[in-house]
Protein backbone atom coordinates (compact mmCIF):
# COMPACT_ATOMS: atom_id res chain seq x y z
CA ALA A 1 33.84 -74.51 -68.71
CA GLU A 2 33.65 -72.23 -71.42
CA THR A 3 33.33 -68.57 -70.25
CA ALA A 4 30.24 -66.89 -71.65
CA LYS A 5 30.82 -63.62 -73.32
CA PRO A 6 29.89 -60.50 -71.35
CA ILE A 7 26.63 -58.87 -72.16
CA ARG A 8 26.59 -55.31 -72.43
CA GLY A 9 24.95 -53.64 -69.31
CA LEU A 10 24.64 -56.73 -67.39
CA VAL A 11 26.92 -56.97 -64.27
CA GLU A 12 27.77 -60.48 -62.86
CA ARG A 13 28.13 -61.42 -59.26
CA SER A 14 31.96 -61.86 -59.72
CA CYS A 15 32.32 -58.41 -61.23
CA ARG A 16 33.74 -55.41 -59.57
CA ILE A 17 33.47 -52.36 -61.75
CA GLU A 18 32.70 -48.64 -61.18
CA SER A 19 29.22 -47.44 -62.17
CA GLN A 20 30.92 -45.09 -64.78
CA GLU A 21 32.43 -48.14 -66.54
CA LEU A 22 29.14 -49.94 -66.97
CA GLY A 23 28.34 -50.82 -70.73
CA ARG A 24 24.74 -49.71 -71.67
CA THR A 25 22.64 -50.20 -74.53
CA GLN A 26 20.04 -47.41 -75.55
CA LEU A 27 17.88 -46.65 -78.47
CA PRO A 28 19.52 -44.18 -80.83
CA SER A 29 16.20 -42.28 -81.20
CA LEU A 30 13.10 -41.88 -78.96
CA ALA A 31 10.81 -41.78 -81.87
CA SER A 32 10.12 -45.48 -82.08
CA LEU A 33 9.22 -45.75 -78.37
CA PRO A 34 5.73 -47.09 -77.81
CA ILE A 35 3.11 -45.22 -75.76
CA PRO A 36 2.83 -46.53 -72.23
CA ASP A 37 -0.12 -48.64 -71.29
CA PHE A 38 -1.55 -48.17 -68.02
CA SER A 39 -4.67 -50.16 -68.41
CA ASP A 40 -3.92 -52.65 -65.51
CA TYR A 41 -3.34 -49.79 -63.22
CA PHE A 42 -6.74 -48.16 -64.02
CA ASP A 43 -8.35 -51.39 -64.00
CA GLU A 44 -7.32 -52.08 -60.68
CA LEU A 45 -8.52 -48.55 -59.50
CA LYS A 46 -12.07 -49.42 -60.87
CA ARG A 47 -12.24 -52.45 -58.55
CA ARG A 48 -11.59 -50.06 -55.63
CA PRO A 49 -14.65 -47.98 -54.35
CA GLU A 50 -12.43 -45.84 -52.38
CA SER A 51 -10.63 -44.70 -55.53
CA ARG A 52 -13.88 -43.75 -57.56
CA HIS A 53 -13.25 -40.20 -57.08
CA TRP A 54 -9.44 -40.28 -57.31
CA VAL A 55 -7.74 -37.76 -59.52
CA GLY A 56 -4.05 -38.70 -60.15
CA GLN A 57 -1.49 -37.91 -62.63
CA LEU A 58 0.28 -39.85 -65.36
CA PRO A 59 4.12 -39.79 -66.33
CA ILE A 60 5.18 -38.53 -69.68
CA GLU A 61 8.62 -38.43 -71.35
CA ALA A 62 10.02 -36.00 -73.78
CA SER A 63 13.72 -36.66 -73.37
CA ARG A 64 16.41 -38.64 -71.77
CA GLY A 65 19.64 -37.44 -70.28
CA CYS A 66 20.86 -34.08 -69.87
CA TYR A 67 22.11 -31.61 -72.68
CA TRP A 68 24.20 -29.71 -69.99
CA HIS A 69 25.83 -32.75 -68.47
CA LYS A 70 28.20 -33.90 -71.12
CA VAL A 71 31.08 -35.62 -69.25
CA THR A 72 33.93 -36.95 -71.47
CA THR A 73 37.15 -38.74 -70.77
CA GLY A 74 38.99 -35.60 -71.02
CA ASN A 75 36.53 -33.25 -69.53
CA PRO A 76 35.01 -34.90 -66.28
CA ARG A 77 34.11 -31.39 -64.97
CA ARG A 78 31.48 -30.57 -67.71
CA GLY A 79 28.20 -30.35 -66.12
CA CYS A 80 26.76 -29.77 -62.80
CA GLN A 81 29.23 -30.97 -60.30
CA PHE A 82 26.77 -32.49 -57.84
CA CYS A 83 24.66 -34.18 -60.24
CA ASN A 84 24.48 -37.98 -60.89
CA LEU A 85 20.95 -38.17 -62.44
CA ASN A 86 22.36 -39.28 -65.71
CA LEU A 87 24.52 -42.35 -65.26
CA GLN A 88 22.06 -44.70 -67.00
CA TRP A 89 22.25 -42.46 -70.29
CA GLN A 90 24.81 -41.48 -72.80
CA GLY A 91 24.12 -38.25 -74.59
CA TYR A 92 20.75 -36.43 -74.90
CA ARG A 93 18.05 -37.49 -76.80
CA SER A 94 14.57 -36.09 -77.08
CA LYS A 95 11.24 -36.61 -78.97
CA GLU A 96 9.77 -34.38 -81.48
CA PRO A 97 7.23 -31.84 -79.87
CA ARG A 98 4.42 -33.39 -81.94
CA GLN A 99 5.23 -36.90 -80.80
CA VAL A 100 4.85 -35.74 -77.26
CA SER A 101 1.70 -33.78 -77.96
CA ARG A 102 -0.02 -36.93 -79.54
CA GLU A 103 1.17 -38.88 -76.48
CA VAL A 104 -0.58 -36.35 -74.16
CA ALA A 105 -3.75 -36.28 -76.22
CA LEU A 106 -3.90 -40.03 -76.59
CA LEU A 107 -3.32 -40.74 -72.74
CA ALA A 108 -5.74 -38.02 -71.71
CA CYS A 109 -8.52 -39.37 -73.91
CA LYS A 110 -8.07 -43.09 -73.02
CA TYR A 111 -7.79 -42.62 -69.22
CA ARG A 112 -9.74 -39.38 -68.74
CA ILE A 113 -7.04 -37.76 -67.02
CA LEU A 114 -5.52 -34.07 -67.37
CA ARG A 115 -2.57 -34.12 -65.01
CA PHE A 116 0.70 -35.03 -66.30
CA CYS A 117 4.27 -34.96 -65.04
CA PHE A 118 7.26 -34.82 -67.32
CA VAL A 119 9.80 -37.36 -65.89
CA ASP A 120 12.49 -35.78 -67.92
CA ASN A 121 15.71 -34.72 -66.08
CA VAL A 122 15.23 -31.60 -67.97
CA LEU A 123 13.19 -30.53 -70.94
CA ASN A 124 14.81 -29.84 -74.37
CA ARG A 125 15.26 -26.04 -74.06
CA GLY A 126 15.69 -25.58 -77.81
CA ALA A 127 12.49 -27.51 -78.50
CA SER A 128 10.53 -26.48 -75.46
CA PRO A 129 8.59 -23.35 -77.25
CA GLU A 130 7.37 -25.51 -80.10
CA LEU A 131 6.45 -28.33 -77.52
CA PHE A 132 4.53 -25.56 -75.32
CA ASP A 133 2.71 -24.55 -78.58
CA GLU A 134 1.75 -28.07 -79.54
CA LEU A 135 0.30 -28.72 -76.01
CA GLN A 136 -1.57 -25.42 -76.05
CA HIS A 137 -3.10 -26.49 -79.45
CA LEU A 138 -4.53 -29.50 -78.11
CA ASN A 139 -7.14 -27.24 -76.29
CA LEU A 140 -7.15 -29.19 -73.29
CA GLY A 141 -7.31 -28.13 -69.48
CA LEU A 142 -3.88 -29.71 -68.73
CA GLU A 143 -2.18 -29.50 -65.51
CA LEU A 144 1.47 -30.23 -66.12
CA PHE A 145 4.80 -30.41 -64.16
CA ALA A 146 8.43 -30.40 -65.60
CA GLU A 147 11.87 -29.94 -64.53
CA LEU A 148 13.76 -27.00 -66.54
CA ARG A 149 17.15 -25.58 -66.93
CA GLY A 150 17.78 -21.86 -67.42
CA PRO A 151 18.02 -19.38 -68.70
CA LEU A 152 14.38 -19.13 -69.79
CA SER A 153 12.70 -16.08 -71.15
CA ARG A 154 9.35 -14.26 -70.32
CA GLU A 155 7.97 -15.54 -73.67
CA CYS A 156 8.88 -19.13 -72.55
CA PHE A 157 7.25 -18.97 -69.34
CA LEU A 158 4.27 -17.34 -71.16
CA ARG A 159 4.11 -20.48 -73.55
CA MET A 160 4.38 -23.07 -70.98
CA ARG A 161 1.69 -21.52 -68.79
CA LEU A 162 -0.80 -21.32 -71.67
CA ALA A 163 0.17 -25.03 -72.37
CA GLY A 164 -0.95 -25.86 -68.72
CA MET A 165 2.27 -25.80 -66.90
CA LYS A 166 1.33 -25.42 -63.29
CA GLN A 167 4.39 -26.63 -61.50
CA VAL A 168 8.09 -26.62 -62.21
CA GLN A 169 11.34 -27.36 -60.53
CA ILE A 170 14.04 -25.27 -62.18
CA GLY A 171 17.79 -26.06 -61.81
CA ILE A 172 18.54 -22.91 -59.62
CA GLU A 173 20.48 -24.44 -56.72
CA ALA A 174 22.10 -21.09 -55.66
CA LEU A 175 21.60 -17.28 -55.51
CA SER A 176 25.31 -16.64 -55.60
CA THR A 177 27.05 -16.43 -58.90
CA ASN A 178 30.46 -17.38 -57.14
CA LEU A 179 28.97 -20.56 -55.87
CA LEU A 180 27.23 -21.11 -59.23
CA ASN A 181 30.54 -21.05 -60.81
CA LYS A 182 31.91 -23.57 -58.43
CA MET A 183 28.94 -25.76 -59.29
CA HIS A 184 29.43 -25.42 -63.01
CA LYS A 185 25.92 -24.34 -63.58
CA GLY A 186 26.95 -22.02 -66.38
CA LEU A 187 24.22 -19.15 -64.95
CA GLN A 188 24.66 -16.18 -62.95
CA ALA A 189 22.20 -15.34 -59.95
CA ILE A 190 20.28 -12.65 -61.94
CA ASP A 191 19.32 -15.57 -64.50
CA ASN A 192 17.87 -17.33 -61.62
CA ILE A 193 16.02 -14.53 -60.00
CA GLU A 194 14.42 -13.62 -63.34
CA MET A 195 13.03 -17.33 -63.48
CA MET A 196 11.65 -16.91 -60.03
CA LYS A 197 10.04 -13.50 -61.09
CA TRP A 198 8.45 -15.26 -64.18
CA CYS A 199 6.99 -18.22 -62.00
CA GLU A 200 5.52 -15.59 -59.90
CA ALA A 201 4.05 -13.57 -62.71
CA PHE A 202 2.43 -16.41 -64.48
CA GLY A 203 1.15 -18.17 -61.34
CA ILE A 204 3.39 -21.34 -61.72
CA ARG A 205 4.21 -23.10 -58.53
CA ASN A 206 8.04 -23.11 -58.11
CA HIS A 207 9.52 -26.06 -56.38
CA SER A 208 13.11 -25.06 -56.88
CA ASN A 209 15.94 -25.94 -54.39
CA LEU A 210 18.55 -24.06 -52.77
CA LEU A 211 21.58 -26.23 -52.39
CA VAL A 212 23.53 -25.55 -49.09
CA GLY A 213 26.76 -27.25 -47.86
CA PHE A 214 28.45 -27.65 -51.35
CA PRO A 215 32.03 -28.66 -50.71
CA GLY A 216 34.45 -25.76 -51.15
CA SER A 217 31.58 -23.09 -50.62
CA ASP A 218 32.80 -20.22 -48.40
CA SER A 219 31.69 -17.04 -46.52
CA ARG A 220 31.63 -15.11 -49.83
CA ASP A 221 29.07 -17.60 -51.24
CA VAL A 222 26.88 -17.22 -48.08
CA ASP A 223 27.14 -13.40 -48.07
CA GLU A 224 26.07 -13.33 -51.67
CA THR A 225 23.22 -15.55 -51.14
CA LEU A 226 22.02 -13.53 -48.14
CA ALA A 227 22.29 -10.32 -50.25
CA ALA A 228 20.41 -11.58 -53.15
CA MET A 229 17.53 -13.01 -50.70
CA GLU A 230 16.80 -9.55 -49.62
CA PHE A 231 15.63 -8.87 -53.27
CA VAL A 232 13.56 -11.97 -53.85
CA THR A 233 11.28 -12.18 -50.96
CA CYS A 234 8.37 -11.06 -53.10
CA TYR A 235 8.72 -14.46 -54.73
CA GLN A 236 7.79 -17.89 -53.82
CA PRO A 237 10.40 -19.23 -51.48
CA LEU A 238 13.16 -21.83 -52.56
CA ARG A 239 13.34 -25.04 -50.74
CA VAL A 240 16.69 -25.78 -48.74
CA VAL A 241 18.33 -28.99 -49.61
CA GLN A 242 21.44 -30.15 -47.92
CA PHE A 243 24.32 -31.32 -50.35
CA TRP A 244 24.76 -35.10 -50.56
CA LEU A 245 27.36 -37.02 -52.47
CA GLY A 246 26.14 -39.02 -55.30
CA GLU A 247 27.78 -41.80 -56.97
CA GLY A 248 29.32 -41.16 -60.46
CA SER A 249 28.77 -37.30 -59.90
CA PRO A 250 31.72 -35.18 -61.30
CA ILE A 251 32.53 -34.11 -57.59
CA GLN A 252 32.73 -37.92 -56.55
CA LEU A 253 34.94 -38.71 -59.33
CA GLN A 254 37.34 -35.84 -58.40
CA ALA A 255 36.96 -36.11 -54.61
CA SER A 256 40.46 -35.16 -53.70
CA ASP A 257 40.12 -31.82 -55.76
CA TYR A 258 37.30 -30.83 -53.24
CA GLY A 259 39.16 -31.94 -50.37
CA LEU A 260 36.94 -35.07 -49.63
CA THR A 261 38.44 -38.06 -48.27
CA GLN A 262 37.24 -41.78 -47.23
CA VAL A 263 34.59 -41.65 -49.82
CA LYS A 264 32.43 -44.82 -49.32
CA ASN A 265 28.75 -45.92 -49.29
CA HIS A 266 26.86 -43.88 -46.76
CA PRO A 267 26.85 -45.23 -43.21
CA TRP A 268 23.06 -45.45 -43.22
CA TYR A 269 23.16 -48.37 -45.71
CA ARG A 270 24.55 -50.50 -42.74
CA ALA A 271 20.98 -50.94 -41.49
CA TRP A 272 20.15 -52.57 -44.63
CA PHE A 273 23.11 -54.78 -45.74
CA PRO A 274 25.78 -56.86 -43.74
CA ALA A 275 29.21 -55.36 -43.78
CA GLU A 276 30.75 -57.86 -46.11
CA VAL A 277 28.10 -57.35 -48.62
CA LEU A 278 28.19 -53.36 -48.35
CA GLN A 279 31.91 -53.31 -48.94
CA ASN A 280 31.48 -54.79 -52.34
CA LEU A 281 28.51 -52.50 -53.51
CA ASN A 282 28.52 -49.23 -55.31
CA LEU A 283 25.54 -47.54 -53.93
CA MET A 284 24.14 -44.14 -54.99
CA VAL A 285 24.63 -41.98 -51.80
CA LYS A 286 28.12 -41.64 -50.57
CA GLY A 287 29.61 -40.76 -47.10
CA TYR A 288 32.77 -38.76 -46.98
CA ARG A 289 35.07 -36.69 -44.70
CA GLY A 290 35.90 -33.10 -45.53
CA GLY A 291 34.54 -29.85 -43.79
CA GLN A 292 30.88 -31.07 -43.43
CA LEU A 293 30.54 -29.69 -39.76
CA ARG A 294 32.13 -26.29 -40.98
CA GLN A 295 29.81 -26.10 -44.03
CA LYS A 296 26.63 -26.56 -41.72
CA ARG A 297 27.73 -23.77 -39.49
CA LEU A 298 28.55 -21.59 -42.40
CA TRP A 299 25.21 -21.92 -43.99
CA GLN A 300 22.93 -21.78 -40.85
CA PRO A 301 22.17 -18.05 -41.33
CA VAL A 302 20.78 -18.80 -44.87
CA LYS A 303 18.59 -21.69 -43.47
CA GLN A 304 17.24 -19.29 -40.91
CA ARG A 305 16.68 -16.54 -43.44
CA VAL A 306 14.90 -18.98 -45.91
CA GLU A 307 12.46 -20.03 -43.03
CA SER A 308 11.71 -16.26 -42.08
CA TRP A 309 11.09 -15.73 -45.97
CA ARG A 310 8.82 -18.67 -46.05
CA ARG A 311 6.69 -17.61 -43.09
CA ALA A 312 6.43 -14.10 -44.29
CA TYR A 313 5.57 -14.95 -47.79
CA GLN A 314 2.83 -17.28 -46.68
CA THR A 315 1.18 -14.60 -44.24
CA ALA A 316 1.51 -11.98 -46.98
CA ARG A 317 -0.06 -14.17 -49.58
CA LEU A 318 -3.16 -14.57 -47.25
CA SER A 319 -3.40 -10.68 -46.83
CA PHE A 320 -2.75 -9.77 -50.38
CA GLU A 321 -4.28 -12.80 -52.30
CA ALA A 322 -5.02 -11.08 -55.37
CA PHE A 323 -1.90 -8.78 -55.95
CA PRO A 324 1.81 -9.48 -56.36
CA LEU A 325 3.99 -8.58 -53.04
CA LEU A 326 5.67 -6.17 -55.50
CA GLY A 327 3.76 -4.93 -58.60
CA TYR A 328 3.37 -1.99 -60.91
CA SER A 329 0.61 -0.29 -62.68
CA ASP A 330 1.43 1.80 -65.85
CA GLY A 331 -0.50 4.95 -66.32
CA GLY A 332 1.12 5.85 -69.84
CA ARG A 333 2.89 9.06 -68.71
CA PHE A 334 3.52 7.75 -65.13
CA LEU A 335 3.87 4.45 -63.45
CA MET A 336 3.15 3.45 -59.87
CA VAL A 337 4.99 0.61 -57.97
CA ARG A 338 3.43 -0.93 -54.63
CA ARG A 339 5.30 -2.96 -52.32
CA ARG A 340 2.95 -5.00 -50.00
CA THR A 341 4.09 -6.29 -46.74
CA ILE A 342 2.36 -7.66 -43.84
CA ALA A 343 4.03 -4.96 -41.42
CA GLY A 344 0.76 -2.82 -40.75
CA ASN A 345 -0.89 -4.45 -43.82
CA LYS A 346 0.28 -1.49 -45.87
CA ALA A 347 1.76 -0.81 -49.24
CA GLU A 348 4.87 1.43 -49.86
CA MET A 349 4.55 3.28 -52.95
CA PHE A 350 6.76 4.75 -55.55
CA ARG A 351 6.11 6.82 -58.57
CA PHE A 352 8.09 7.28 -61.75
CA GLU A 353 7.52 9.67 -64.70
CA GLY A 354 8.95 10.39 -68.23
CA THR A 355 12.23 8.70 -69.11
CA SER A 356 12.37 7.16 -65.47
CA ARG A 357 9.03 5.36 -66.22
CA GLU A 358 10.55 4.26 -69.66
CA ILE A 359 13.80 2.92 -68.08
CA PHE A 360 11.90 1.14 -65.37
CA LEU A 361 9.63 -0.67 -68.16
CA TYR A 362 12.86 -1.35 -70.11
CA LEU A 363 14.13 -3.41 -67.11
CA ASP A 364 11.41 -5.81 -67.10
CA THR A 365 13.66 -8.26 -68.50
CA THR A 366 17.55 -8.47 -67.70
CA ARG A 367 19.26 -6.00 -69.57
CA ASN A 368 22.96 -5.01 -70.02
CA LEU A 369 23.88 -1.36 -68.99
CA GLU A 370 25.21 -1.03 -72.35
CA ASP A 371 21.98 -1.72 -74.05
CA VAL A 372 20.10 0.62 -71.76
CA CYS A 373 22.62 3.37 -72.59
CA ARG A 374 22.00 2.79 -76.28
CA ARG A 375 18.25 2.76 -75.83
CA PHE A 376 18.41 6.08 -74.05
CA GLN A 377 21.16 7.78 -75.78
CA HIS A 378 19.97 11.36 -74.75
CA LEU A 379 21.06 10.51 -71.19
CA SER A 380 24.73 10.14 -70.05
CA SER A 381 25.78 6.88 -69.02
CA LYS A 382 26.68 8.05 -65.56
CA LYS A 383 23.04 9.36 -65.15
CA ILE A 384 21.62 6.02 -66.17
CA ASP A 385 24.00 4.14 -63.76
CA GLY A 386 23.05 6.41 -60.94
CA PHE A 387 19.29 5.89 -61.61
CA ILE A 388 19.68 2.24 -61.80
CA ASN A 389 21.60 2.13 -58.46
CA ASP A 390 18.91 4.17 -56.84
CA LEU A 391 16.42 1.51 -57.97
CA VAL A 392 18.68 -1.12 -56.36
CA SER A 393 18.78 0.74 -53.23
CA LYS A 394 15.15 0.64 -53.12
CA ARG A 395 15.02 -3.10 -53.93
CA LEU A 396 13.06 -2.46 -57.07
CA VAL A 397 15.85 -3.68 -59.39
CA PHE A 398 18.51 -6.46 -58.89
CA ARG A 399 21.72 -5.66 -60.18
CA GLU A 400 24.79 -8.00 -60.99
CA GLY A 401 27.83 -6.21 -62.53
CA ASP A 402 26.51 -4.54 -65.66
CA ARG A 403 23.25 -6.62 -65.86
CA ALA A 404 20.15 -5.28 -64.21
CA LEU A 405 16.59 -6.58 -63.79
CA GLY A 406 13.37 -5.00 -62.55
CA LEU A 407 11.62 -7.15 -59.78
CA ALA A 408 8.17 -5.68 -59.81
CA LEU A 409 5.36 -7.63 -61.65
CA ASN A 410 2.75 -6.07 -63.99
CA GLU A 411 -0.47 -5.87 -62.07
CA ASP A 412 -2.74 -5.31 -65.32
CA ILE A 413 -4.16 -8.60 -66.63
CA ARG A 414 -4.34 -6.90 -69.94
CA SER A 415 -0.57 -7.51 -70.10
CA TRP A 416 -1.38 -11.33 -70.44
CA THR A 417 -4.22 -10.71 -73.11
CA SER A 418 -2.04 -8.62 -75.23
CA ALA A 419 0.79 -11.07 -75.21
CA ILE A 420 -1.65 -13.64 -76.07
CA SER A 421 -3.01 -11.61 -78.99
CA ALA A 422 0.43 -10.78 -80.15
CA ARG A 423 1.16 -14.33 -80.88
């Protein structure tokens, strides 16, 4: 019999190929994609009396793939080492911001809904400011969720909040720069902390993860994480997620480099598939051997600290609902900082005047020490360095090498309105 020509993207029963070898077809551009039609779903809801007052959300797509995860034949390490979310896509493609805003406007009008969830693996960082502006100009009371990758500036967070962004998941994963380097995240801990700060400042719910148990992580990674956590308890807690090995992820493709052996489908699949079937499948979650018990013991203090952080934050938010847990008020020539804690329901106070106030305000976003010294040339670098270290000792500033970030939030609502007016 004549053998049919293989169809790109179609796997036959007789095939034994790895997931990364699958041929795929995809549109060269997302501009020609039709707007999804959810009419059948909403018609079904109308027939159900219990759904009369249901307020749901719709998915919206602005891009496919990940601009950071660019694995090539000669460079399998490029991209977050644990990630396998982009196996189905080649490269990164995104819609024009105006196309996305038109889709949101049409869907909102057609289905009388204002809640939308971006299903992108990551929004296009370069196009995000324009996208957020386009969504804001719709003048709708949108409630949006999106997954993001840093670093993202204060201005970007302001724009997304004005567009209607209420919830985000940022690819934080770690508060240790040493561990972030192992993961190939391309960021430092201070970048992640600044994004946590802006989520808190602009009232955006932060659903970001803290990934524990990454193969090859060590006591230094844990120590750096615990040290950084002492500076961020005034922000929304991260969610602890245990590392799992994904099919097609860079770390799975280079398992031996990470000391992983006996990589195969996870044992829990045995509950679903007969052994003879399971051994011929490449499923998404892998089991492996290689230091798992050690990693669990190593990260136990971090898990415990996150839990105490979560409890303390929730209690403090109930006590100080209208105020940031670490905030400042500017008096023009002086500045007051308040740290609100549940211990005795009191606030710890700090006061800064003159140049000290100016430096404190300048550190509202991450700055290099060189830039600070250039800005305040009348002071010696030694004096500036000492002042910043004093702020670090008070946990008012987070410092990483020559980079420093003030942690307190501006309590004056006029800072919002002035930023909006300036735009």
